[in-house]
Amino acid sequence: MPGGNAPSVSAVTPAAVVQGNEYDVTLAGFATLWSDQTTVSFGPGITVTRLKAASPTSLVVHVKVESGATPDTRDVQVTQDAQTLFWRNAFTVLPRWKLSALGTASQLSMSVVRLEVNEPQFEFDTSSDLFGGFNGVNVVVSPPLRTQVLSVASKVVDVLVQTDVDATVEAYDVTVVSRAGTLQERRFSATQLVTVTPRASMDLVDGVPANGSIDAPFQSKAYRWESMSGLDAGALGPIVLNVGTNAAGATPRLALVPMSGRFEDLITFASTVAVTPAQGALYWVVVWESSGASGFQYTLTATPARRQAEEEPNDGAAMARALPALPAVLGLAQLPSLTDQDWVKVTAGPGDVGKRLHVITQPGDDATDTVVEVFKSDGVTSLGGASDDSLHEDFFTPPLPAQGDYFVKVSMSSTVVTWDAAQSHYDLLLTVE
């Protein structure tokens, strides 16, 4: 924009329009002498049908955007008598809708298809069902790929694409259907939107950190893991798989998939999990960040851990059983009543200060509903918790303030009103991250 007292265009509102719609657009100027004879151009595909000078420095124009207008960012041109002013790169034509493939859909990967609808009068049905699915959106991929609707906002839908290890290397068509079977049904289709490329996986070795990076939104990285090759891993104890990062705002997780390489057989999707693999069993591990955060480094580890059986009595800090060096697993513990408490003690070393204690409960029994809380060395002062009352807990404390002993209490959720032996067993997994 020119400086001093030279006439200029200083604002355009709205600054973006959508193909196939009409708008009143207001232009503001500085030191201008605009009149009803002023002309305005927004480039090809946009017709000015009316113009009114509200003042020498303000114009109101009515524009019609053709359905075939090129989506791009363009200049606004204002001509008064022999003088032409430009507002460079100030005006954007948006497509009516856009389907995009985000991440890389290679064999054994997780990626996202995003649908953005810019039409002013359109909104998706954002209601959900009892199982967390979305009522108003369906997805069809041809040839078929496994998909799941991740999120639905009024104008944007994100769809998770899970590509199996044996998926055909080719381009796939995608259709997103809004309000299927109703008078308001809309279909948004893109041919050859998702291209599946050959698998590019790395090896994950027990005890050897695998460092990687997520360089683009919804990118994933795949690993081949054959734990304790040639040994009886079950006799040696569980393996703790963990993926972590120091990057703020990023929370990568790992999808653990069995030898089949099919996501329908998914074992878990978590940041940390304890696994006792069978001898010679092959697994696949896919690292993925579901929020779309990118530009960060992560570390994936497979760490042999010691499993310790629960020993009663352990109903308070004074009776807490000490677990071995972290990571550690308290295996097949049980809450034999609704009021039972299981306490364990862990010791943080000098290198653990400033890190967080990660407390996870996992089956055991699939329906065991636990709550966890962490206490400082006095066994009374809470360091964090109680955890959110989800079915299985995945809880981080604040940074550990000092080395020494910490206590973890596990109890049954207060929402459980009838004790059932088949809903009372759990594994407790503790790591420092």
Protein backbone atom coordinates (compact mmCIF):
# COMPACT_ATOMS: atom_id res chain seq x y z
CA MET A 1 0.00 0.00 0.00
CA PRO A 2 1.44 3.41 -0.94
CA GLY A 3 2.62 5.61 1.90
CA GLY A 4 2.09 9.31 2.67
CA ASN A 5 -1.12 10.94 1.45
CA ALA A 6 -1.39 8.99 -1.82
CA PRO A 7 -4.84 7.54 -2.52
CA SER A 8 -5.11 3.83 -1.86
CA VAL A 9 -7.51 0.94 -1.26
CA SER A 10 -7.36 0.01 2.42
CA ALA A 11 -9.92 -2.79 2.92
CA VAL A 12 -12.26 -5.18 1.15
CA THR A 13 -15.11 -6.88 3.05
CA PRO A 14 -15.77 -9.76 2.70
CA ALA A 15 -12.31 -10.76 1.54
CA ALA A 16 -13.44 -14.20 0.32
CA VAL A 17 -16.36 -15.38 -1.80
CA VAL A 18 -17.58 -18.77 -2.99
CA GLN A 19 -18.21 -19.99 -6.52
CA GLY A 20 -21.83 -19.72 -7.65
CA ASN A 21 -22.95 -17.10 -5.10
CA GLU A 22 -23.73 -13.37 -4.97
CA TYR A 23 -22.41 -10.86 -2.43
CA ASP A 24 -22.45 -7.23 -1.36
CA VAL A 25 -18.81 -6.21 -1.09
CA THR A 26 -17.66 -3.05 0.69
CA LEU A 27 -14.42 -1.32 -0.29
CA ALA A 28 -12.72 1.26 1.93
CA GLY A 29 -10.23 3.79 0.60
CA PHE A 30 -7.78 6.36 1.86
CA ALA A 31 -7.62 9.87 0.30
CA THR A 32 -9.88 8.71 -2.55
CA LEU A 33 -12.60 10.59 -4.42
CA TRP A 34 -14.82 7.70 -5.40
CA SER A 35 -18.22 8.23 -7.01
CA ASP A 36 -20.99 6.24 -8.65
CA GLN A 37 -18.93 6.38 -11.85
CA THR A 38 -16.03 4.49 -10.25
CA THR A 39 -15.44 1.03 -11.68
CA VAL A 40 -14.28 -2.05 -9.79
CA SER A 41 -12.84 -5.32 -11.10
CA PHE A 42 -12.30 -8.56 -9.18
CA GLY A 43 -10.87 -10.48 -12.13
CA PRO A 44 -12.30 -13.18 -14.42
CA GLY A 45 -15.48 -14.95 -13.39
CA ILE A 46 -16.80 -12.16 -11.14
CA THR A 47 -19.30 -9.63 -12.47
CA VAL A 48 -20.10 -6.34 -10.73
CA THR A 49 -23.86 -5.86 -11.19
CA ARG A 50 -24.34 -2.74 -9.02
CA LEU A 51 -22.10 -0.04 -7.55
CA LYS A 52 -22.86 2.75 -5.10
CA ALA A 53 -20.47 5.29 -3.58
CA ALA A 54 -21.49 5.61 0.05
CA SER A 55 -18.84 8.33 0.45
CA PRO A 56 -15.67 9.45 -1.38
CA THR A 57 -13.80 6.74 0.54
CA SER A 58 -16.40 3.95 0.54
CA LEU A 59 -17.94 1.82 -2.20
CA VAL A 60 -20.62 -0.85 -1.97
CA VAL A 61 -20.73 -3.21 -4.94
CA HIS A 62 -22.89 -6.22 -5.67
CA VAL A 63 -21.00 -9.06 -7.34
CA LYS A 64 -22.02 -12.32 -8.96
CA VAL A 65 -19.45 -15.12 -8.77
CA GLU A 66 -19.76 -17.60 -11.61
CA SER A 67 -19.87 -21.28 -10.68
CA GLY A 68 -16.83 -21.79 -12.91
CA ALA A 69 -14.77 -18.91 -11.50
CA THR A 70 -11.21 -20.09 -10.85
CA PRO A 71 -10.56 -20.60 -7.12
CA ASP A 72 -7.54 -18.41 -6.34
CA THR A 73 -6.32 -15.25 -4.65
CA ARG A 74 -6.45 -12.15 -6.82
CA ASP A 75 -6.06 -8.35 -6.96
CA VAL A 76 -8.89 -5.85 -6.58
CA GLN A 77 -8.74 -3.04 -9.17
CA VAL A 78 -10.53 0.30 -8.62
CA THR A 79 -10.60 2.95 -11.37
CA GLN A 80 -11.75 6.54 -10.87
CA ASP A 81 -11.34 8.84 -13.91
CA ALA A 82 -7.79 8.16 -15.15
CA GLN A 83 -6.48 6.75 -11.88
CA THR A 84 -6.38 3.00 -11.15
CA LEU A 85 -5.65 1.65 -7.68
CA PHE A 86 -4.85 -1.95 -6.76
CA TRP A 87 -5.29 -3.94 -3.54
CA ARG A 88 -2.87 -6.76 -4.21
CA ASN A 89 -3.67 -10.38 -3.29
CA ALA A 90 -6.59 -9.17 -1.20
CA PHE A 91 -9.51 -11.16 -2.56
CA THR A 92 -10.04 -14.93 -2.62
CA VAL A 93 -12.42 -17.08 -4.63
CA LEU A 94 -13.16 -20.31 -2.76
CA PRO A 95 -14.42 -23.54 -4.34
CA ARG A 96 -17.94 -24.60 -3.38
CA TRP A 97 -16.36 -27.67 -1.77
CA LYS A 98 -13.02 -29.42 -1.68
CA LEU A 99 -11.88 -32.97 -0.94
CA SER A 100 -8.22 -33.33 0.08
CA ALA A 101 -6.01 -36.31 0.94
CA LEU A 102 -3.76 -35.48 3.91
CA GLY A 103 -0.80 -37.63 4.88
CA THR A 104 0.46 -40.54 2.80
CA ALA A 105 -1.75 -43.56 2.24
CA SER A 106 0.95 -46.18 1.79
CA GLN A 107 0.38 -49.83 2.59
CA LEU A 108 0.15 -50.08 6.40
CA SER A 109 -0.63 -46.44 7.12
CA MET A 110 -3.13 -44.05 8.65
CA SER A 111 -4.09 -40.87 6.82
CA VAL A 112 -7.02 -38.45 6.51
CA VAL A 113 -9.45 -37.34 3.85
CA ARG A 114 -10.84 -33.87 4.55
CA LEU A 115 -14.01 -32.43 3.03
CA GLU A 116 -14.48 -28.67 3.29
CA VAL A 117 -17.77 -27.14 2.12
CA ASN A 118 -17.78 -23.36 1.66
CA GLU A 119 -21.36 -22.88 0.49
CA PRO A 120 -22.96 -20.32 2.85
CA GLN A 121 -26.29 -22.17 3.07
CA PHE A 122 -24.86 -25.65 3.73
CA GLU A 123 -24.09 -27.33 7.06
CA PHE A 124 -23.37 -30.92 8.02
CA ASP A 125 -25.41 -32.81 10.60
CA THR A 126 -23.01 -32.90 13.56
CA SER A 127 -25.13 -35.15 15.80
CA SER A 128 -23.60 -38.41 17.03
CA ASP A 129 -24.93 -41.78 18.12
CA LEU A 130 -24.40 -43.68 21.38
CA PHE A 131 -21.25 -45.32 20.03
CA GLY A 132 -19.50 -42.10 19.01
CA GLY A 133 -20.37 -42.35 15.32
CA PHE A 134 -21.85 -39.49 13.33
CA ASN A 135 -25.45 -39.81 12.17
CA GLY A 136 -25.33 -37.56 9.14
CA VAL A 137 -22.16 -38.58 7.29
CA ASN A 138 -21.26 -41.75 5.39
CA VAL A 139 -18.10 -42.51 3.41
CA VAL A 140 -17.66 -44.76 0.38
CA VAL A 141 -14.22 -45.65 -1.04
CA SER A 142 -13.83 -47.56 -4.29
CA PRO A 143 -12.13 -50.01 -4.36
CA PRO A 144 -12.94 -50.44 -0.63
CA LEU A 145 -10.60 -49.16 2.08
CA ARG A 146 -11.27 -49.13 5.82
CA THR A 147 -12.53 -45.68 6.92
CA GLN A 148 -13.88 -44.02 10.04
CA VAL A 149 -15.39 -40.55 10.40
CA LEU A 150 -13.11 -38.76 12.87
CA SER A 151 -14.92 -35.45 13.27
CA VAL A 152 -17.81 -33.48 11.83
CA ALA A 153 -18.09 -29.70 12.12
CA SER A 154 -20.68 -27.54 10.37
CA LYS A 155 -18.45 -27.10 7.31
CA VAL A 156 -15.65 -29.68 7.66
CA VAL A 157 -15.49 -33.48 7.84
CA ASP A 158 -12.32 -35.45 8.62
CA VAL A 159 -12.23 -39.14 7.69
CA LEU A 160 -9.57 -41.57 8.92
CA VAL A 161 -8.26 -43.93 6.23
CA GLN A 162 -6.61 -47.12 7.52
CA THR A 163 -4.67 -48.86 4.79
CA ASP A 164 -3.84 -52.54 5.37
CA VAL A 165 -0.44 -54.02 4.62
CA ASP A 166 -1.84 -55.90 1.61
CA ALA A 167 -3.90 -53.04 0.15
CA THR A 168 -3.68 -52.82 -3.64
CA VAL A 169 -1.27 -50.18 -4.90
CA GLU A 170 -3.56 -47.95 -6.95
CA ALA A 171 -5.69 -44.79 -6.86
CA TYR A 172 -9.02 -44.88 -4.98
CA ASP A 173 -12.21 -42.86 -5.47
CA VAL A 174 -13.82 -41.26 -2.42
CA THR A 175 -17.42 -40.15 -1.89
CA VAL A 176 -18.71 -38.44 1.27
CA VAL A 177 -22.49 -38.54 1.65
CA SER A 178 -24.33 -36.05 3.82
CA ARG A 179 -27.79 -36.97 5.19
CA ALA A 180 -28.08 -40.11 3.07
CA GLY A 181 -31.59 -41.21 2.19
CA THR A 182 -33.22 -37.84 2.96
CA LEU A 183 -34.40 -34.98 0.78
CA GLN A 184 -31.28 -33.07 1.89
CA GLU A 185 -28.87 -35.76 0.69
CA ARG A 186 -25.66 -34.38 -0.84
CA ARG A 187 -22.81 -36.38 -2.35
CA PHE A 188 -19.27 -35.07 -2.67
CA SER A 189 -17.03 -37.22 -4.88
CA ALA A 190 -13.43 -37.12 -6.05
CA THR A 191 -11.94 -39.67 -8.40
CA GLN A 192 -8.49 -41.10 -7.68
CA LEU A 193 -8.22 -38.96 -4.54
CA VAL A 194 -6.28 -41.44 -2.39
CA THR A 195 -3.23 -43.09 -3.93
CA VAL A 196 -1.90 -46.13 -2.06
CA THR A 197 1.85 -46.53 -2.45
CA PRO A 198 4.04 -49.53 -1.54
CA ARG A 199 4.83 -50.11 2.12
CA ALA A 200 7.90 -48.36 3.50
CA SER A 201 8.48 -49.72 7.00
CA MET A 202 11.42 -49.77 9.38
CA ASP A 203 12.44 -52.35 11.96
CA LEU A 204 11.76 -51.82 15.66
CA VAL A 205 14.27 -53.61 17.89
CA ASP A 206 13.81 -54.27 21.61
CA GLY A 207 15.85 -51.87 23.72
CA VAL A 208 16.88 -49.68 20.77
CA PRO A 209 15.05 -46.33 20.51
CA ALA A 210 13.68 -45.58 17.05
CA ASN A 211 13.75 -41.83 16.40
CA GLY A 212 11.52 -40.39 13.70
CA SER A 213 9.68 -37.28 12.63
CA ILE A 214 6.19 -36.31 11.52
CA ASP A 215 6.79 -33.72 8.81
CA ALA A 216 3.25 -33.15 7.48
CA PRO A 217 -0.25 -33.23 8.99
CA PHE A 218 -1.66 -36.76 9.42
CA GLN A 219 1.52 -38.43 8.19
CA SER A 220 2.23 -41.86 9.70
CA LYS A 221 5.31 -44.04 10.05
CA ALA A 222 5.27 -47.87 10.04
CA TYR A 223 7.54 -50.33 11.87
CA ARG A 224 8.00 -54.09 11.73
CA TRP A 225 8.45 -55.55 15.22
CA GLU A 226 9.44 -59.14 16.01
CA SER A 227 10.11 -59.02 19.72
CA MET A 228 12.86 -61.08 21.36
CA SER A 229 13.42 -63.01 18.14
CA GLY A 230 14.12 -66.69 18.85
CA LEU A 231 13.40 -66.38 22.59
CA ASP A 232 10.40 -67.16 24.75
CA ALA A 233 9.32 -63.58 25.42
CA GLY A 234 6.49 -64.69 27.70
CA ALA A 235 8.97 -66.18 30.15
CA LEU A 236 10.96 -62.96 30.22
CA GLY A 237 8.02 -60.69 30.93
CA PRO A 238 6.08 -58.09 28.97
CA ILE A 239 7.43 -55.56 26.49
CA VAL A 240 6.40 -51.94 26.98
CA LEU A 241 5.81 -50.12 23.71
CA ASN A 242 5.89 -46.33 24.01
CA VAL A 243 5.88 -43.38 21.64
CA GLY A 244 6.59 -39.91 22.98
CA THR A 245 7.70 -36.43 22.02
CA ASN A 246 8.84 -33.25 23.75
CA ALA A 247 6.99 -31.08 21.23
CA ALA A 248 4.23 -28.95 22.74
CA GLY A 249 0.78 -29.70 21.37
CA ALA A 250 1.73 -33.06 19.82
CA THR A 251 0.47 -36.35 21.27
CA PRO A 252 1.51 -39.16 18.93
CA ARG A 253 0.13 -42.63 19.50
CA LEU A 254 0.94 -46.07 18.20
CA ALA A 255 -1.43 -48.46 16.48
CA LEU A 256 -0.41 -52.02 17.32
CA VAL A 257 -1.48 -54.41 14.56
CA PRO A 258 -0.88 -58.19 14.56
CA MET A 259 0.87 -60.21 11.88
CA SER A 260 -2.18 -59.99 9.57
CA GLY A 261 -1.38 -56.33 8.96
CA ARG A 262 -5.11 -55.56 8.94
CA PHE A 263 -6.53 -52.70 10.97
CA GLU A 264 -9.73 -54.64 11.62
CA ASP A 265 -7.52 -56.79 13.90
CA LEU A 266 -6.11 -53.73 15.73
CA ILE A 267 -4.85 -54.64 19.21
CA THR A 268 -4.68 -51.13 20.63
CA PHE A 269 -4.20 -47.46 19.79
CA ALA A 270 -2.36 -45.76 22.65
CA SER A 271 0.81 -43.91 23.57
CA THR A 272 1.96 -46.73 25.85
CA VAL A 273 0.99 -50.40 26.04
CA ALA A 274 2.38 -53.56 27.65
CA VAL A 275 2.45 -56.62 25.40
CA THR A 276 3.51 -60.19 26.10
CA PRO A 277 4.23 -61.49 22.60
CA ALA A 278 4.24 -65.14 21.67
CA GLN A 279 7.54 -66.62 20.59
CA GLY A 280 8.38 -65.53 17.04
CA ALA A 281 5.22 -63.41 16.72
CA LEU A 282 5.38 -60.55 14.24
CA TYR A 283 3.65 -57.24 14.89
CA TRP A 284 3.26 -53.97 13.02
CA VAL A 285 3.46 -50.61 14.79
CA VAL A 286 2.12 -47.45 13.12
CA VAL A 287 2.94 -44.07 14.68
CA TRP A 288 0.28 -41.40 14.05
CA GLU A 289 -0.78 -38.03 15.48
CA SER A 290 -4.56 -37.62 15.29
CA SER A 291 -4.80 -33.83 15.71
CA GLY A 292 -2.78 -33.08 12.58
CA ALA A 293 0.20 -31.64 14.46
CA SER A 294 3.39 -31.83 12.42
CA GLY A 295 7.01 -30.72 12.34
CA PHE A 296 8.03 -32.66 15.45
CA GLN A 297 10.40 -35.47 16.44
CA TYR A 298 9.27 -38.59 18.29
CA THR A 299 10.90 -41.62 19.89
CA LEU A 300 9.42 -45.11 19.68
CA THR A 301 10.71 -47.75 22.10
CA ALA A 302 10.14 -51.42 22.90
CA THR A 303 11.44 -51.92 26.43
CA PRO A 304 11.48 -55.28 28.24
CA ALA A 305 9.82 -54.87 31.63
CA ARG A 306 9.35 -57.00 34.71
CA ARG A 307 5.89 -58.21 35.62
CA GLN A 308 5.08 -58.49 39.29
CA ALA A 309 2.05 -60.27 40.66
CA GLU A 310 -0.24 -58.41 43.03
CA GLU A 311 0.18 -59.30 46.71
CA GLU A 312 -2.46 -58.62 49.33
CA PRO A 313 -2.78 -56.89 51.70
CA ASN A 314 -2.01 -53.64 49.85
CA ASP A 315 -4.90 -51.42 50.88
CA GLY A 316 -2.93 -48.29 51.84
CA ALA A 317 0.40 -46.51 51.48
CA ALA A 318 1.85 -48.34 54.49
CA MET A 319 1.12 -51.68 52.81
CA ALA A 320 2.05 -50.66 49.27
CA ARG A 321 4.08 -53.21 47.33
CA ALA A 322 7.26 -51.86 45.76
CA LEU A 323 7.52 -52.33 41.99
CA PRO A 324 10.89 -52.86 40.28
CA ALA A 325 12.66 -50.26 38.14
CA LEU A 326 10.37 -48.58 35.64
CA PRO A 327 8.84 -49.46 33.32
CA ALA A 328 7.00 -52.02 35.41
CA VAL A 329 3.79 -54.02 35.21
CA LEU A 330 1.59 -55.23 38.04
CA GLY A 331 0.01 -58.22 36.38
CA LEU A 332 -3.51 -59.63 36.66
CA ALA A 333 -4.35 -57.60 39.73
CA GLN A 334 -7.88 -57.78 41.11
CA LEU A 335 -10.24 -55.53 43.00
CA PRO A 336 -12.19 -58.15 45.01
CA SER A 337 -14.81 -55.68 46.23
CA LEU A 338 -16.23 -52.28 45.28
CA THR A 339 -14.30 -50.67 48.12
CA ASP A 340 -10.96 -52.43 47.68
CA GLN A 341 -7.84 -50.36 47.00
CA ASP A 342 -4.56 -51.55 45.53
CA TRP A 343 -1.47 -49.47 46.39
CA VAL A 344 1.98 -49.77 44.82
CA LYS A 345 5.19 -47.85 45.39
CA VAL A 346 7.65 -46.74 42.71
CA THR A 347 10.94 -44.95 43.11
CA ALA A 348 11.99 -42.07 40.85
CA GLY A 349 15.71 -41.58 40.30
CA PRO A 350 17.61 -38.32 39.71
CA GLY A 351 17.09 -38.60 35.96
CA ASP A 352 13.33 -38.83 36.41
CA VAL A 353 12.92 -35.39 38.03
CA GLY A 354 10.90 -33.14 35.74
CA LYS A 355 9.45 -36.10 33.84
CA ARG A 356 5.89 -37.34 34.29
CA LEU A 357 4.68 -40.62 35.73
CA HIS A 358 2.43 -42.36 33.20
CA VAL A 359 -0.16 -44.64 34.81
CA ILE A 360 -2.17 -47.02 32.63
CA THR A 361 -4.71 -49.69 33.47
CA GLN A 362 -5.57 -52.25 30.80
CA PRO A 363 -7.31 -55.64 30.65
CA GLY A 364 -7.33 -58.02 32.61
CA ASP A 365 -11.03 -58.02 32.02
CA ASP A 366 -12.27 -55.77 29.24
CA ALA A 367 -15.00 -54.18 31.39
CA THR A 368 -13.01 -53.55 34.58
CA ASP A 369 -13.66 -49.89 35.43
CA THR A 370 -10.73 -48.42 37.40
CA VAL A 371 -9.70 -45.04 38.77
CA VAL A 372 -6.10 -44.10 39.66
CA GLU A 373 -4.47 -41.45 41.82
CA VAL A 374 -0.80 -40.68 42.53
CA PHE A 375 0.60 -39.45 45.86
CA LYS A 376 3.90 -37.99 47.00
CA SER A 377 6.27 -39.77 49.38
CA ASP A 378 4.07 -39.16 52.44
CA GLY A 379 1.32 -41.24 50.85
CA VAL A 380 -1.19 -38.45 51.57
CA THR A 381 -0.40 -35.45 49.36
CA SER A 382 -1.89 -35.96 45.92
CA LEU A 383 0.46 -35.44 42.98
CA GLY A 384 -2.29 -35.79 40.47
CA GLY A 385 -5.74 -37.24 40.08
CA ALA A 386 -7.99 -38.83 40.55
CA SER A 387 -7.90 -39.72 36.86
CA ASP A 388 -10.82 -39.07 34.56
CA ASP A 389 -13.33 -41.82 35.15
CA SER A 390 -12.99 -43.64 31.84
CA LEU A 391 -13.21 -47.42 31.59
CA HIS A 392 -9.43 -47.97 31.41
CA GLU A 393 -7.12 -45.22 32.66
CA ASP A 394 -4.38 -43.44 30.70
CA PHE A 395 -3.14 -40.85 33.18
CA PHE A 396 -0.14 -38.51 33.37
CA THR A 397 0.95 -36.79 36.57
CA PRO A 398 2.44 -33.29 36.58
CA PRO A 399 6.27 -33.28 36.33
CA LEU A 400 7.85 -35.16 39.23
CA PRO A 401 9.20 -32.54 41.66
CA ALA A 402 11.92 -34.70 43.27
CA GLN A 403 13.51 -38.10 43.30
CA GLY A 404 12.25 -40.62 45.79
CA ASP A 405 9.14 -42.70 46.43
CA TYR A 406 5.71 -42.15 44.93
CA PHE A 407 2.51 -44.10 45.55
CA VAL A 408 -0.18 -45.14 43.09
CA LYS A 409 -3.68 -46.05 44.25
CA VAL A 410 -6.04 -48.08 42.07
CA SER A 411 -9.71 -48.38 43.01
CA MET A 412 -13.02 -49.27 41.42
CA SER A 413 -14.97 -46.47 39.78
CA SER A 414 -17.78 -45.02 41.85
CA THR A 415 -20.10 -45.60 38.88
CA VAL A 416 -19.84 -49.38 39.42
CA VAL A 417 -22.67 -50.47 41.74
CA THR A 418 -22.48 -54.28 41.50
CA TRP A 419 -19.26 -56.26 41.88
CA ASP A 420 -18.62 -58.88 39.22
CA ALA A 421 -15.57 -61.16 39.23
CA ALA A 422 -15.45 -60.98 35.44
CA GLN A 423 -15.10 -57.20 35.66
CA SER A 424 -12.49 -56.92 38.39
CA HIS A 425 -9.08 -57.88 36.92
CA TYR A 426 -6.61 -55.41 35.40
CA ASP A 427 -2.94 -54.88 34.56
CA LEU A 428 -1.22 -51.77 35.91
CA LEU A 429 1.51 -50.29 33.69
CA LEU A 430 3.85 -47.59 35.02
CA THR A 431 6.44 -45.65 33.03
CA VAL A 432 8.29 -42.34 33.39
CA GLU A 433 8.17 -40.12 30.31
